[in-house]
N, C-alpha and C. Protein backbone atom coordinates (compact mmCIF):
# COMPACT_ATOMS: atom_id res chain seq x y z
N UNK A 1 35.79 -12.87 21.83
CA UNK A 1 36.47 -12.61 20.56
C UNK A 1 35.45 -12.38 19.46
N UNK A 2 35.75 -11.46 18.54
CA UNK A 2 34.85 -11.16 17.44
C UNK A 2 35.14 -12.08 16.26
N UNK A 3 34.11 -12.31 15.44
CA UNK A 3 34.30 -13.12 14.26
C UNK A 3 35.14 -12.40 13.22
N UNK A 4 36.10 -13.10 12.68
CA UNK A 4 36.89 -12.58 11.56
C UNK A 4 36.34 -13.13 10.25
N UNK A 5 35.93 -14.39 10.31
CA UNK A 5 35.49 -15.10 9.11
C UNK A 5 34.25 -15.92 9.42
N UNK A 6 33.31 -15.94 8.47
CA UNK A 6 32.10 -16.74 8.66
C UNK A 6 31.67 -17.32 7.32
N UNK A 7 31.48 -18.63 7.29
CA UNK A 7 30.97 -19.32 6.12
C UNK A 7 29.58 -19.86 6.44
N UNK A 8 28.62 -19.59 5.54
CA UNK A 8 27.24 -20.02 5.76
C UNK A 8 26.77 -20.86 4.58
N UNK A 9 26.47 -22.13 4.85
CA UNK A 9 25.89 -23.05 3.86
C UNK A 9 26.66 -23.06 2.54
N UNK A 10 27.98 -23.19 2.65
CA UNK A 10 28.82 -23.14 1.46
C UNK A 10 28.83 -24.48 0.73
N UNK A 11 28.59 -24.42 -0.58
CA UNK A 11 28.69 -25.58 -1.45
C UNK A 11 29.62 -25.26 -2.62
N UNK A 12 30.40 -26.25 -3.01
CA UNK A 12 31.26 -26.11 -4.18
C UNK A 12 31.08 -27.34 -5.05
N UNK A 13 30.61 -27.11 -6.29
CA UNK A 13 30.36 -28.20 -7.23
C UNK A 13 31.12 -27.94 -8.52
N UNK A 14 31.54 -29.03 -9.16
CA UNK A 14 32.13 -28.95 -10.49
C UNK A 14 31.27 -29.77 -11.45
N UNK A 15 31.01 -29.21 -12.61
CA UNK A 15 30.23 -29.92 -13.62
C UNK A 15 31.15 -30.54 -14.66
N UNK A 16 30.94 -31.81 -14.92
CA UNK A 16 31.60 -32.48 -16.03
C UNK A 16 30.54 -32.73 -17.10
N UNK A 17 30.90 -33.44 -18.13
CA UNK A 17 29.94 -33.65 -19.23
C UNK A 17 28.63 -34.26 -18.75
N UNK A 18 28.75 -35.26 -17.90
CA UNK A 18 27.54 -35.99 -17.49
C UNK A 18 27.29 -35.99 -15.99
N UNK A 19 28.21 -35.39 -15.24
CA UNK A 19 28.10 -35.52 -13.78
C UNK A 19 28.25 -34.17 -13.08
N UNK A 20 27.71 -34.13 -11.88
CA UNK A 20 27.92 -33.00 -10.97
C UNK A 20 28.76 -33.52 -9.81
N UNK A 21 29.96 -33.02 -9.70
CA UNK A 21 30.86 -33.46 -8.63
C UNK A 21 30.72 -32.51 -7.45
N UNK A 22 30.28 -33.05 -6.32
CA UNK A 22 30.08 -32.25 -5.11
C UNK A 22 31.37 -32.27 -4.29
N UNK A 23 32.10 -31.15 -4.31
CA UNK A 23 33.39 -31.07 -3.62
C UNK A 23 33.20 -30.69 -2.15
N UNK A 24 32.37 -29.69 -1.89
CA UNK A 24 32.07 -29.26 -0.52
C UNK A 24 30.55 -29.14 -0.38
N UNK A 25 30.03 -29.59 0.76
CA UNK A 25 28.58 -29.59 0.95
C UNK A 25 28.21 -28.99 2.30
N UNK A 26 27.39 -27.94 2.24
CA UNK A 26 26.77 -27.35 3.44
C UNK A 26 27.80 -27.05 4.53
N UNK A 27 28.84 -26.33 4.16
CA UNK A 27 29.90 -25.98 5.10
C UNK A 27 29.51 -24.73 5.89
N UNK A 28 29.50 -24.86 7.21
CA UNK A 28 29.29 -23.73 8.11
C UNK A 28 30.48 -23.65 9.05
N UNK A 29 31.09 -22.47 9.09
CA UNK A 29 32.32 -22.32 9.87
C UNK A 29 32.48 -20.88 10.32
N UNK A 30 32.89 -20.71 11.58
CA UNK A 30 33.21 -19.38 12.10
C UNK A 30 34.62 -19.42 12.67
N UNK A 31 35.39 -18.39 12.36
CA UNK A 31 36.74 -18.25 12.91
C UNK A 31 36.85 -16.87 13.54
N UNK A 32 37.24 -16.85 14.79
CA UNK A 32 37.32 -15.60 15.53
C UNK A 32 38.72 -15.00 15.44
N UNK A 33 38.80 -13.74 15.78
CA UNK A 33 40.10 -13.08 15.88
C UNK A 33 40.98 -13.82 16.88
N UNK A 34 42.23 -14.02 16.53
CA UNK A 34 43.23 -14.67 17.39
C UNK A 34 42.98 -16.16 17.58
N UNK A 35 42.09 -16.75 16.76
CA UNK A 35 41.79 -18.17 16.88
C UNK A 35 42.64 -18.98 15.89
N UNK A 36 43.06 -20.17 16.30
CA UNK A 36 43.78 -21.07 15.41
C UNK A 36 42.92 -22.31 15.16
N UNK A 37 42.84 -22.70 13.89
CA UNK A 37 41.96 -23.79 13.47
C UNK A 37 42.74 -24.72 12.56
N UNK A 38 42.67 -26.02 12.82
CA UNK A 38 43.26 -27.00 11.91
C UNK A 38 42.14 -27.75 11.20
N UNK A 39 42.39 -28.09 9.94
CA UNK A 39 41.45 -28.84 9.13
C UNK A 39 42.12 -30.14 8.74
N UNK A 40 41.52 -31.25 9.12
CA UNK A 40 42.11 -32.56 8.84
C UNK A 40 41.12 -33.40 8.04
N UNK A 41 41.64 -34.43 7.42
CA UNK A 41 40.81 -35.33 6.63
C UNK A 41 41.64 -36.01 5.57
N UNK A 42 41.08 -37.03 4.96
CA UNK A 42 41.80 -37.79 3.95
C UNK A 42 42.02 -36.95 2.69
N UNK A 43 43.01 -37.35 1.89
CA UNK A 43 43.24 -36.69 0.61
C UNK A 43 41.97 -36.77 -0.24
N UNK A 44 41.63 -35.64 -0.87
CA UNK A 44 40.43 -35.61 -1.70
C UNK A 44 39.15 -35.31 -0.96
N UNK A 45 39.27 -35.02 0.34
CA UNK A 45 38.06 -34.77 1.14
C UNK A 45 37.52 -33.35 0.97
N UNK A 46 38.33 -32.44 0.38
CA UNK A 46 37.86 -31.07 0.16
C UNK A 46 38.60 -30.02 0.99
N UNK A 47 39.65 -30.42 1.69
CA UNK A 47 40.36 -29.49 2.59
C UNK A 47 40.97 -28.32 1.84
N UNK A 48 41.72 -28.63 0.78
CA UNK A 48 42.38 -27.56 0.02
C UNK A 48 41.36 -26.68 -0.68
N UNK A 49 40.27 -27.28 -1.16
CA UNK A 49 39.21 -26.49 -1.81
C UNK A 49 38.63 -25.47 -0.83
N UNK A 50 38.50 -25.86 0.42
CA UNK A 50 37.98 -24.94 1.43
C UNK A 50 38.94 -23.77 1.64
N UNK A 51 40.23 -24.06 1.69
CA UNK A 51 41.23 -22.99 1.81
C UNK A 51 41.16 -22.04 0.62
N UNK A 52 41.01 -22.61 -0.58
CA UNK A 52 40.94 -21.80 -1.80
C UNK A 52 39.71 -20.89 -1.79
N UNK A 53 38.60 -21.40 -1.29
CA UNK A 53 37.38 -20.58 -1.20
C UNK A 53 37.57 -19.42 -0.22
N UNK A 54 38.13 -19.73 0.94
CA UNK A 54 38.32 -18.70 1.96
C UNK A 54 39.28 -17.62 1.47
N UNK A 55 40.29 -18.03 0.72
CA UNK A 55 41.27 -17.08 0.20
C UNK A 55 40.80 -16.33 -1.04
N UNK A 56 39.60 -16.63 -1.50
CA UNK A 56 39.08 -15.94 -2.68
C UNK A 56 39.70 -16.41 -3.97
N UNK A 57 40.33 -17.59 -3.95
CA UNK A 57 40.95 -18.14 -5.15
C UNK A 57 40.01 -19.09 -5.90
N UNK A 58 38.86 -19.31 -5.31
CA UNK A 58 37.83 -20.17 -5.89
C UNK A 58 36.48 -19.57 -5.53
N UNK A 59 35.49 -19.74 -6.42
CA UNK A 59 34.15 -19.20 -6.19
C UNK A 59 33.22 -20.32 -5.71
N UNK A 60 32.46 -20.02 -4.66
CA UNK A 60 31.48 -20.99 -4.16
C UNK A 60 30.33 -21.13 -5.15
N UNK A 61 29.78 -22.34 -5.22
CA UNK A 61 28.59 -22.56 -6.06
C UNK A 61 27.35 -21.97 -5.40
N UNK A 62 27.31 -22.01 -4.08
CA UNK A 62 26.21 -21.39 -3.33
C UNK A 62 26.67 -21.16 -1.90
N UNK A 63 25.93 -20.31 -1.18
CA UNK A 63 26.29 -19.97 0.19
C UNK A 63 26.97 -18.61 0.27
N UNK A 64 27.32 -18.24 1.47
CA UNK A 64 27.92 -16.90 1.70
C UNK A 64 29.17 -17.00 2.55
N UNK A 65 30.14 -16.14 2.22
CA UNK A 65 31.37 -16.02 3.00
C UNK A 65 31.52 -14.57 3.42
N UNK A 66 31.73 -14.37 4.72
CA UNK A 66 31.93 -13.02 5.26
C UNK A 66 33.34 -12.91 5.83
N UNK A 67 34.02 -11.82 5.49
CA UNK A 67 35.31 -11.50 6.10
C UNK A 67 35.17 -10.14 6.76
N UNK A 68 35.36 -10.12 8.08
CA UNK A 68 35.15 -8.89 8.86
C UNK A 68 33.78 -8.29 8.57
N UNK A 69 32.78 -9.16 8.54
CA UNK A 69 31.38 -8.77 8.34
C UNK A 69 31.07 -8.24 6.94
N UNK A 70 32.03 -8.32 6.03
CA UNK A 70 31.78 -7.94 4.64
C UNK A 70 31.61 -9.21 3.81
N UNK A 71 30.50 -9.31 3.08
CA UNK A 71 30.30 -10.48 2.26
C UNK A 71 31.22 -10.43 1.05
N UNK A 72 32.05 -11.44 0.90
CA UNK A 72 33.01 -11.45 -0.22
C UNK A 72 32.57 -12.40 -1.33
N UNK A 73 31.48 -13.14 -1.10
CA UNK A 73 31.07 -14.20 -2.03
C UNK A 73 30.86 -13.67 -3.45
N UNK A 74 30.24 -12.51 -3.58
CA UNK A 74 29.90 -12.00 -4.91
C UNK A 74 30.78 -10.84 -5.35
N UNK A 75 31.87 -10.61 -4.63
CA UNK A 75 32.80 -9.55 -5.04
C UNK A 75 33.50 -9.94 -6.34
N UNK A 76 33.89 -8.93 -7.13
CA UNK A 76 34.65 -9.24 -8.33
C UNK A 76 36.11 -9.50 -7.96
N UNK A 77 36.89 -9.94 -8.91
CA UNK A 77 38.26 -10.38 -8.64
C UNK A 77 39.12 -9.25 -8.08
N UNK A 78 38.92 -8.02 -8.55
CA UNK A 78 39.71 -6.89 -8.05
C UNK A 78 39.41 -6.62 -6.58
N UNK A 79 38.13 -6.68 -6.20
CA UNK A 79 37.75 -6.43 -4.81
C UNK A 79 38.31 -7.52 -3.89
N UNK A 80 38.17 -8.78 -4.32
CA UNK A 80 38.68 -9.88 -3.50
C UNK A 80 40.20 -9.82 -3.41
N UNK A 81 40.84 -9.49 -4.52
CA UNK A 81 42.30 -9.40 -4.54
C UNK A 81 42.79 -8.33 -3.57
N UNK A 82 42.06 -7.23 -3.49
CA UNK A 82 42.43 -6.15 -2.59
C UNK A 82 42.34 -6.59 -1.13
N UNK A 83 41.29 -7.32 -0.77
CA UNK A 83 41.14 -7.85 0.59
C UNK A 83 42.24 -8.86 0.89
N UNK A 84 42.47 -9.76 -0.06
CA UNK A 84 43.49 -10.81 0.13
C UNK A 84 44.88 -10.19 0.29
N UNK A 85 45.19 -9.23 -0.52
CA UNK A 85 46.53 -8.61 -0.51
C UNK A 85 46.83 -7.98 0.84
N UNK A 86 45.83 -7.37 1.45
CA UNK A 86 46.05 -6.61 2.68
C UNK A 86 45.78 -7.41 3.95
N UNK A 87 44.94 -8.43 3.86
CA UNK A 87 44.45 -9.07 5.08
C UNK A 87 44.66 -10.57 5.20
N UNK A 88 45.03 -11.23 4.09
CA UNK A 88 45.12 -12.70 4.10
C UNK A 88 46.48 -13.13 3.56
N UNK A 89 47.20 -13.89 4.36
CA UNK A 89 48.46 -14.48 3.91
C UNK A 89 48.25 -15.96 3.64
N UNK A 90 48.75 -16.45 2.49
CA UNK A 90 48.54 -17.84 2.11
C UNK A 90 49.88 -18.56 1.99
N UNK A 91 49.98 -19.70 2.66
CA UNK A 91 51.19 -20.53 2.62
C UNK A 91 50.81 -21.89 2.05
N UNK A 92 51.48 -22.28 0.97
CA UNK A 92 51.18 -23.55 0.32
C UNK A 92 52.25 -24.59 0.65
N UNK A 93 51.92 -25.85 0.39
CA UNK A 93 52.89 -26.93 0.56
C UNK A 93 54.04 -26.74 -0.41
N UNK A 94 53.72 -26.41 -1.66
CA UNK A 94 54.74 -26.03 -2.63
C UNK A 94 55.03 -24.54 -2.43
N UNK A 95 56.28 -24.16 -2.52
CA UNK A 95 56.68 -22.84 -2.03
C UNK A 95 56.28 -21.69 -2.97
N UNK A 96 56.21 -21.97 -4.28
CA UNK A 96 55.81 -20.97 -5.27
C UNK A 96 56.63 -19.68 -5.20
N UNK A 97 57.91 -19.82 -4.95
CA UNK A 97 58.80 -18.67 -5.01
C UNK A 97 59.14 -18.38 -6.47
N UNK A 98 59.40 -17.12 -6.79
CA UNK A 98 59.81 -16.76 -8.14
C UNK A 98 61.25 -17.22 -8.33
N UNK A 99 61.51 -18.16 -9.25
CA UNK A 99 62.81 -18.82 -9.28
C UNK A 99 64.00 -17.93 -9.60
N UNK A 100 63.77 -16.85 -10.36
CA UNK A 100 64.89 -15.98 -10.73
C UNK A 100 64.97 -14.72 -9.86
N UNK A 101 64.24 -14.73 -8.73
CA UNK A 101 64.32 -13.66 -7.74
C UNK A 101 65.03 -14.21 -6.50
N UNK A 102 65.84 -13.38 -5.88
CA UNK A 102 66.48 -13.78 -4.63
C UNK A 102 65.43 -13.88 -3.51
N UNK A 103 65.84 -14.44 -2.38
CA UNK A 103 64.95 -14.50 -1.22
C UNK A 103 64.46 -13.10 -0.86
N UNK A 104 65.37 -12.14 -0.86
CA UNK A 104 65.02 -10.76 -0.53
C UNK A 104 64.03 -10.19 -1.54
N UNK A 105 64.25 -10.44 -2.81
CA UNK A 105 63.36 -9.91 -3.84
C UNK A 105 61.99 -10.57 -3.78
N UNK A 106 61.93 -11.85 -3.47
CA UNK A 106 60.64 -12.54 -3.35
C UNK A 106 59.77 -11.90 -2.27
N UNK A 107 60.39 -11.50 -1.16
CA UNK A 107 59.63 -10.91 -0.05
C UNK A 107 59.34 -9.43 -0.30
N UNK A 108 60.34 -8.69 -0.78
CA UNK A 108 60.15 -7.25 -0.96
C UNK A 108 59.17 -6.94 -2.09
N UNK A 109 59.03 -7.86 -3.05
CA UNK A 109 58.08 -7.63 -4.15
C UNK A 109 56.67 -7.44 -3.63
N UNK A 110 56.28 -8.22 -2.63
CA UNK A 110 54.94 -8.09 -2.04
C UNK A 110 54.74 -6.68 -1.48
N UNK A 111 55.76 -6.15 -0.83
CA UNK A 111 55.68 -4.80 -0.28
C UNK A 111 55.62 -3.75 -1.38
N UNK A 112 56.40 -3.96 -2.43
CA UNK A 112 56.42 -3.01 -3.55
C UNK A 112 55.06 -2.96 -4.24
N UNK A 113 54.45 -4.14 -4.45
CA UNK A 113 53.13 -4.18 -5.09
C UNK A 113 52.10 -3.41 -4.28
N UNK A 114 52.25 -3.45 -2.95
CA UNK A 114 51.32 -2.75 -2.07
C UNK A 114 51.77 -1.33 -1.74
N UNK A 115 52.82 -0.88 -2.46
CA UNK A 115 53.31 0.50 -2.32
C UNK A 115 53.69 0.85 -0.88
N UNK A 116 54.36 -0.09 -0.21
CA UNK A 116 54.84 0.12 1.15
C UNK A 116 56.24 0.73 1.09
N UNK A 117 56.50 1.72 1.91
CA UNK A 117 57.80 2.39 1.89
C UNK A 117 58.89 1.47 2.45
N UNK A 118 60.11 1.69 2.00
CA UNK A 118 61.29 0.93 2.44
C UNK A 118 61.09 -0.59 2.35
N UNK A 119 60.67 -1.09 1.19
CA UNK A 119 60.36 -2.52 1.09
C UNK A 119 61.57 -3.42 1.37
N UNK A 120 62.73 -3.03 0.89
CA UNK A 120 63.91 -3.88 1.08
C UNK A 120 64.29 -3.98 2.55
N UNK A 121 64.24 -2.86 3.24
CA UNK A 121 64.58 -2.85 4.66
C UNK A 121 63.62 -3.74 5.46
N UNK A 122 62.33 -3.62 5.16
CA UNK A 122 61.34 -4.40 5.89
C UNK A 122 61.44 -5.88 5.55
N UNK A 123 61.76 -6.18 4.29
CA UNK A 123 61.95 -7.57 3.90
C UNK A 123 63.16 -8.17 4.61
N UNK A 124 64.21 -7.40 4.74
CA UNK A 124 65.40 -7.88 5.43
C UNK A 124 65.10 -8.16 6.90
N UNK A 125 64.31 -7.30 7.50
CA UNK A 125 63.97 -7.47 8.92
C UNK A 125 63.26 -8.80 9.17
N UNK A 126 62.29 -9.12 8.32
CA UNK A 126 61.53 -10.35 8.57
C UNK A 126 62.34 -11.58 8.21
N UNK A 127 63.16 -11.50 7.16
CA UNK A 127 64.02 -12.64 6.81
C UNK A 127 65.05 -12.90 7.90
N UNK A 128 65.58 -11.83 8.46
CA UNK A 128 66.55 -11.99 9.56
C UNK A 128 65.87 -12.61 10.77
N UNK A 129 64.64 -12.21 11.02
CA UNK A 129 63.85 -12.76 12.13
C UNK A 129 63.66 -14.27 11.97
N UNK A 130 63.62 -14.73 10.73
CA UNK A 130 63.43 -16.15 10.44
C UNK A 130 64.75 -16.88 10.24
N UNK A 131 65.84 -16.25 10.64
CA UNK A 131 67.15 -16.91 10.57
C UNK A 131 67.74 -17.00 9.19
N UNK A 132 67.38 -16.06 8.31
CA UNK A 132 67.83 -16.11 6.92
C UNK A 132 68.72 -14.93 6.54
N UNK A 133 69.40 -14.37 7.51
CA UNK A 133 70.25 -13.21 7.23
C UNK A 133 71.32 -13.52 6.19
N UNK A 134 71.82 -14.75 6.22
CA UNK A 134 72.89 -15.13 5.28
C UNK A 134 72.33 -15.59 3.93
N UNK A 135 71.02 -15.49 3.75
CA UNK A 135 70.40 -16.01 2.52
C UNK A 135 69.68 -14.93 1.71
N UNK A 136 69.87 -13.65 2.06
CA UNK A 136 69.18 -12.57 1.37
C UNK A 136 69.30 -12.68 -0.16
N UNK A 137 70.49 -12.96 -0.62
CA UNK A 137 70.78 -12.85 -2.04
C UNK A 137 70.86 -14.21 -2.75
N UNK A 138 70.38 -15.25 -2.08
CA UNK A 138 70.32 -16.57 -2.70
C UNK A 138 69.04 -16.74 -3.49
N UNK A 139 69.12 -17.40 -4.63
CA UNK A 139 67.93 -17.78 -5.40
C UNK A 139 67.27 -18.99 -4.74
N UNK A 140 65.98 -19.21 -4.98
CA UNK A 140 65.30 -20.36 -4.37
C UNK A 140 66.02 -21.69 -4.59
N UNK A 141 66.58 -21.88 -5.79
CA UNK A 141 67.28 -23.12 -6.09
C UNK A 141 68.54 -23.33 -5.27
N UNK A 142 69.00 -22.27 -4.61
CA UNK A 142 70.19 -22.35 -3.76
C UNK A 142 69.82 -22.51 -2.28
N UNK A 143 68.54 -22.69 -2.01
CA UNK A 143 68.05 -22.81 -0.63
C UNK A 143 67.54 -24.22 -0.37
N UNK A 144 67.62 -24.65 0.87
CA UNK A 144 67.02 -25.94 1.25
C UNK A 144 65.50 -25.80 1.27
N UNK A 145 64.80 -26.93 1.37
CA UNK A 145 63.35 -26.89 1.44
C UNK A 145 62.84 -26.09 2.62
N UNK A 146 63.47 -26.29 3.78
CA UNK A 146 63.07 -25.54 4.97
C UNK A 146 63.30 -24.05 4.81
N UNK A 147 64.42 -23.68 4.17
CA UNK A 147 64.70 -22.26 3.95
C UNK A 147 63.71 -21.66 2.96
N UNK A 148 63.38 -22.41 1.92
CA UNK A 148 62.40 -21.91 0.95
C UNK A 148 61.03 -21.69 1.61
N UNK A 149 60.63 -22.60 2.49
CA UNK A 149 59.35 -22.43 3.16
C UNK A 149 59.38 -21.23 4.10
N UNK A 150 60.51 -20.98 4.72
CA UNK A 150 60.62 -19.79 5.58
C UNK A 150 60.50 -18.52 4.75
N UNK A 151 61.10 -18.51 3.57
CA UNK A 151 60.96 -17.35 2.68
C UNK A 151 59.49 -17.19 2.27
N UNK A 152 58.84 -18.31 1.94
CA UNK A 152 57.43 -18.27 1.53
C UNK A 152 56.55 -17.73 2.66
N UNK A 153 56.83 -18.15 3.89
CA UNK A 153 56.05 -17.64 5.03
C UNK A 153 56.34 -16.16 5.25
N UNK A 154 57.62 -15.78 5.15
CA UNK A 154 57.97 -14.37 5.29
C UNK A 154 57.21 -13.53 4.28
N UNK A 155 57.14 -14.01 3.06
CA UNK A 155 56.40 -13.29 2.00
C UNK A 155 54.91 -13.20 2.35
N UNK A 156 54.36 -14.25 2.93
CA UNK A 156 52.91 -14.27 3.20
C UNK A 156 52.53 -13.40 4.39
N UNK A 157 53.45 -13.15 5.31
CA UNK A 157 53.09 -12.39 6.51
C UNK A 157 53.72 -11.00 6.57
N UNK A 158 54.49 -10.64 5.55
CA UNK A 158 55.20 -9.36 5.60
C UNK A 158 54.23 -8.17 5.64
N UNK A 159 53.00 -8.37 5.14
CA UNK A 159 52.00 -7.30 5.20
C UNK A 159 51.20 -7.33 6.51
N UNK A 160 51.59 -8.22 7.41
CA UNK A 160 50.91 -8.39 8.70
C UNK A 160 49.42 -8.64 8.53
N UNK A 161 49.08 -9.73 7.81
CA UNK A 161 47.66 -10.04 7.58
C UNK A 161 46.96 -10.49 8.86
N UNK A 162 45.65 -10.34 8.85
CA UNK A 162 44.84 -10.75 10.00
C UNK A 162 44.55 -12.25 9.99
N UNK A 163 44.68 -12.85 8.81
CA UNK A 163 44.38 -14.28 8.68
C UNK A 163 45.48 -14.95 7.86
N UNK A 164 46.01 -16.05 8.40
CA UNK A 164 46.96 -16.89 7.67
C UNK A 164 46.24 -18.17 7.26
N UNK A 165 46.29 -18.49 5.97
CA UNK A 165 45.79 -19.75 5.46
C UNK A 165 47.00 -20.60 5.09
N UNK A 166 47.12 -21.76 5.70
CA UNK A 166 48.28 -22.63 5.46
C UNK A 166 47.81 -23.99 4.99
N UNK A 167 48.21 -24.37 3.78
CA UNK A 167 47.80 -25.65 3.20
C UNK A 167 48.99 -26.61 3.24
N UNK A 168 48.99 -27.50 4.20
CA UNK A 168 50.08 -28.47 4.41
C UNK A 168 51.45 -27.76 4.43
N UNK A 169 51.63 -26.78 5.31
CA UNK A 169 52.86 -25.99 5.29
C UNK A 169 54.12 -26.78 5.62
N UNK A 170 53.96 -27.95 6.24
CA UNK A 170 55.13 -28.77 6.58
C UNK A 170 55.16 -30.08 5.79
N UNK A 171 54.30 -30.18 4.79
CA UNK A 171 54.13 -31.45 4.09
C UNK A 171 55.37 -31.92 3.35
N UNK A 172 56.22 -30.99 2.91
CA UNK A 172 57.41 -31.37 2.15
C UNK A 172 58.68 -31.33 2.99
N UNK A 173 58.54 -31.24 4.31
CA UNK A 173 59.71 -31.00 5.16
C UNK A 173 59.96 -32.16 6.12
N UNK A 174 61.22 -32.26 6.55
CA UNK A 174 61.56 -33.26 7.57
C UNK A 174 61.07 -32.79 8.93
N UNK A 175 61.21 -33.63 9.96
CA UNK A 175 60.63 -33.33 11.27
C UNK A 175 61.25 -32.08 11.89
N UNK A 176 62.56 -31.91 11.72
CA UNK A 176 63.22 -30.73 12.32
C UNK A 176 62.70 -29.44 11.71
N UNK A 177 62.62 -29.41 10.38
CA UNK A 177 62.11 -28.21 9.72
C UNK A 177 60.62 -28.03 9.95
N UNK A 178 59.89 -29.13 10.09
CA UNK A 178 58.46 -29.03 10.38
C UNK A 178 58.22 -28.33 11.72
N UNK A 179 58.99 -28.69 12.70
CA UNK A 179 58.87 -28.05 14.01
C UNK A 179 59.21 -26.57 13.93
N UNK A 180 60.24 -26.23 13.16
CA UNK A 180 60.64 -24.83 13.02
C UNK A 180 59.56 -24.02 12.33
N UNK A 181 59.00 -24.57 11.26
CA UNK A 181 57.96 -23.86 10.52
C UNK A 181 56.71 -23.66 11.38
N UNK A 182 56.31 -24.69 12.12
CA UNK A 182 55.12 -24.56 12.97
C UNK A 182 55.37 -23.52 14.06
N UNK A 183 56.57 -23.48 14.60
CA UNK A 183 56.90 -22.47 15.62
C UNK A 183 56.81 -21.06 15.04
N UNK A 184 57.32 -20.89 13.83
CA UNK A 184 57.26 -19.58 13.16
C UNK A 184 55.80 -19.14 13.00
N UNK A 185 54.95 -20.06 12.53
CA UNK A 185 53.54 -19.71 12.32
C UNK A 185 52.84 -19.34 13.61
N UNK A 186 53.00 -20.16 14.65
CA UNK A 186 52.31 -19.90 15.92
C UNK A 186 52.89 -18.67 16.62
N UNK A 187 54.18 -18.43 16.49
CA UNK A 187 54.77 -17.22 17.06
C UNK A 187 54.18 -15.98 16.41
N UNK A 188 53.99 -16.05 15.09
CA UNK A 188 53.40 -14.91 14.39
C UNK A 188 51.97 -14.67 14.87
N UNK A 189 51.18 -15.73 14.95
CA UNK A 189 49.79 -15.60 15.40
C UNK A 189 49.72 -14.96 16.79
N UNK A 190 50.60 -15.40 17.67
CA UNK A 190 50.61 -14.88 19.03
C UNK A 190 51.07 -13.43 19.10
N UNK A 191 52.11 -13.10 18.34
CA UNK A 191 52.68 -11.75 18.43
C UNK A 191 51.81 -10.71 17.74
N UNK A 192 51.16 -11.11 16.64
CA UNK A 192 50.38 -10.14 15.85
C UNK A 192 48.88 -10.25 16.11
N UNK A 193 48.49 -11.20 17.00
CA UNK A 193 47.07 -11.38 17.32
C UNK A 193 46.24 -11.63 16.06
N UNK A 194 46.80 -12.49 15.21
CA UNK A 194 46.13 -12.87 13.97
C UNK A 194 45.42 -14.20 14.16
N UNK A 195 44.79 -14.70 13.09
CA UNK A 195 44.11 -15.99 13.10
C UNK A 195 44.79 -16.92 12.11
N UNK A 196 44.66 -18.22 12.35
CA UNK A 196 45.29 -19.21 11.50
C UNK A 196 44.29 -20.31 11.16
N UNK A 197 44.20 -20.64 9.87
CA UNK A 197 43.47 -21.82 9.42
C UNK A 197 44.47 -22.68 8.67
N UNK A 198 44.66 -23.89 9.14
CA UNK A 198 45.73 -24.73 8.61
C UNK A 198 45.23 -26.13 8.24
N UNK A 199 45.46 -26.51 6.99
CA UNK A 199 45.22 -27.88 6.56
C UNK A 199 46.48 -28.68 6.86
N UNK A 200 46.33 -29.82 7.50
CA UNK A 200 47.50 -30.64 7.81
C UNK A 200 47.13 -32.10 7.98
N UNK A 201 48.08 -32.97 7.64
CA UNK A 201 47.95 -34.39 7.93
C UNK A 201 48.67 -34.74 9.24
N UNK A 202 49.36 -33.76 9.80
CA UNK A 202 50.18 -33.97 10.99
C UNK A 202 49.32 -33.77 12.24
N UNK A 203 48.98 -34.84 12.92
CA UNK A 203 48.12 -34.74 14.10
C UNK A 203 48.77 -33.94 15.22
N UNK A 204 50.08 -34.06 15.37
CA UNK A 204 50.78 -33.28 16.40
C UNK A 204 50.61 -31.79 16.15
N UNK A 205 50.69 -31.40 14.89
CA UNK A 205 50.51 -29.99 14.52
C UNK A 205 49.05 -29.59 14.70
N UNK A 206 48.13 -30.44 14.27
CA UNK A 206 46.70 -30.13 14.39
C UNK A 206 46.28 -29.96 15.84
N UNK A 207 46.89 -30.75 16.72
CA UNK A 207 46.52 -30.69 18.14
C UNK A 207 47.00 -29.42 18.83
N UNK A 208 47.85 -28.65 18.16
CA UNK A 208 48.32 -27.39 18.75
C UNK A 208 47.32 -26.25 18.54
N UNK A 209 46.33 -26.46 17.68
CA UNK A 209 45.37 -25.39 17.39
C UNK A 209 44.21 -25.42 18.40
N UNK A 210 43.52 -24.30 18.51
CA UNK A 210 42.41 -24.18 19.44
C UNK A 210 41.21 -25.02 19.01
N UNK A 211 41.03 -25.13 17.69
CA UNK A 211 39.87 -25.85 17.15
C UNK A 211 40.36 -26.80 16.06
N UNK A 212 39.84 -28.02 16.07
CA UNK A 212 40.22 -29.03 15.08
C UNK A 212 38.97 -29.48 14.35
N UNK A 213 38.98 -29.35 13.01
CA UNK A 213 37.81 -29.66 12.21
C UNK A 213 38.17 -30.81 11.27
N UNK A 214 37.28 -31.79 11.18
CA UNK A 214 37.50 -32.91 10.27
C UNK A 214 36.53 -32.82 9.11
N UNK A 215 37.08 -32.95 7.90
CA UNK A 215 36.25 -32.97 6.70
C UNK A 215 36.27 -34.38 6.11
N UNK A 216 35.10 -34.88 5.79
CA UNK A 216 34.99 -36.18 5.15
C UNK A 216 33.95 -36.08 4.03
N UNK A 217 34.35 -36.48 2.84
CA UNK A 217 33.46 -36.44 1.67
C UNK A 217 32.82 -35.07 1.48
N UNK A 218 33.62 -34.03 1.69
CA UNK A 218 33.15 -32.67 1.45
C UNK A 218 32.30 -32.07 2.54
N UNK A 219 32.14 -32.78 3.65
CA UNK A 219 31.32 -32.28 4.75
C UNK A 219 32.12 -32.19 6.03
N UNK A 220 31.79 -31.21 6.87
CA UNK A 220 32.40 -31.12 8.20
C UNK A 220 31.72 -32.13 9.11
N UNK A 221 32.51 -32.99 9.70
CA UNK A 221 31.96 -34.02 10.62
C UNK A 221 31.78 -33.44 12.02
């Protein structure tokens, strides 16, 4: 398998008035095409910060990040946004759906922004695939937590990204919905031959991935 993502000596620091807070230290990580990776560790260990760096939502203090052999570390926001929009789907613990948009509009908007033809039809197809045919025209506030997360995942994968970043995707859900969401994610990875990096506190979910990484105090153990 070829490398999709590579992090070399990544550090992330925050400066306060009198202190330097070291969030991530000397992170080296490779993720191959079609590989699934879970990231585990205590709250505050740096897991979410790592996801934010990989997704281009945060800038590293030092080190290099390569996506498909292209260094993205020093790209400007427009360049990173273009890569993220086409190649990286992000799923958060909080659903971040647009509250006054229907489920269908939340998903089709991503396609419209990327100037994809027939956005509504394609959005309907993926929502139906996720068992949401009867929820096309419901607002997020009219959906259960599990349904909202399914809409959020549909939105994140509708462009068929090569990499899914999932930050506690089942953290707000009960066990039944957690199983459903994990099945949706792994089914997508298998069917589209994509890669998955997932932060989770759920050991059962983490054990389903090919590689399990533990972060402690900002370092990979």
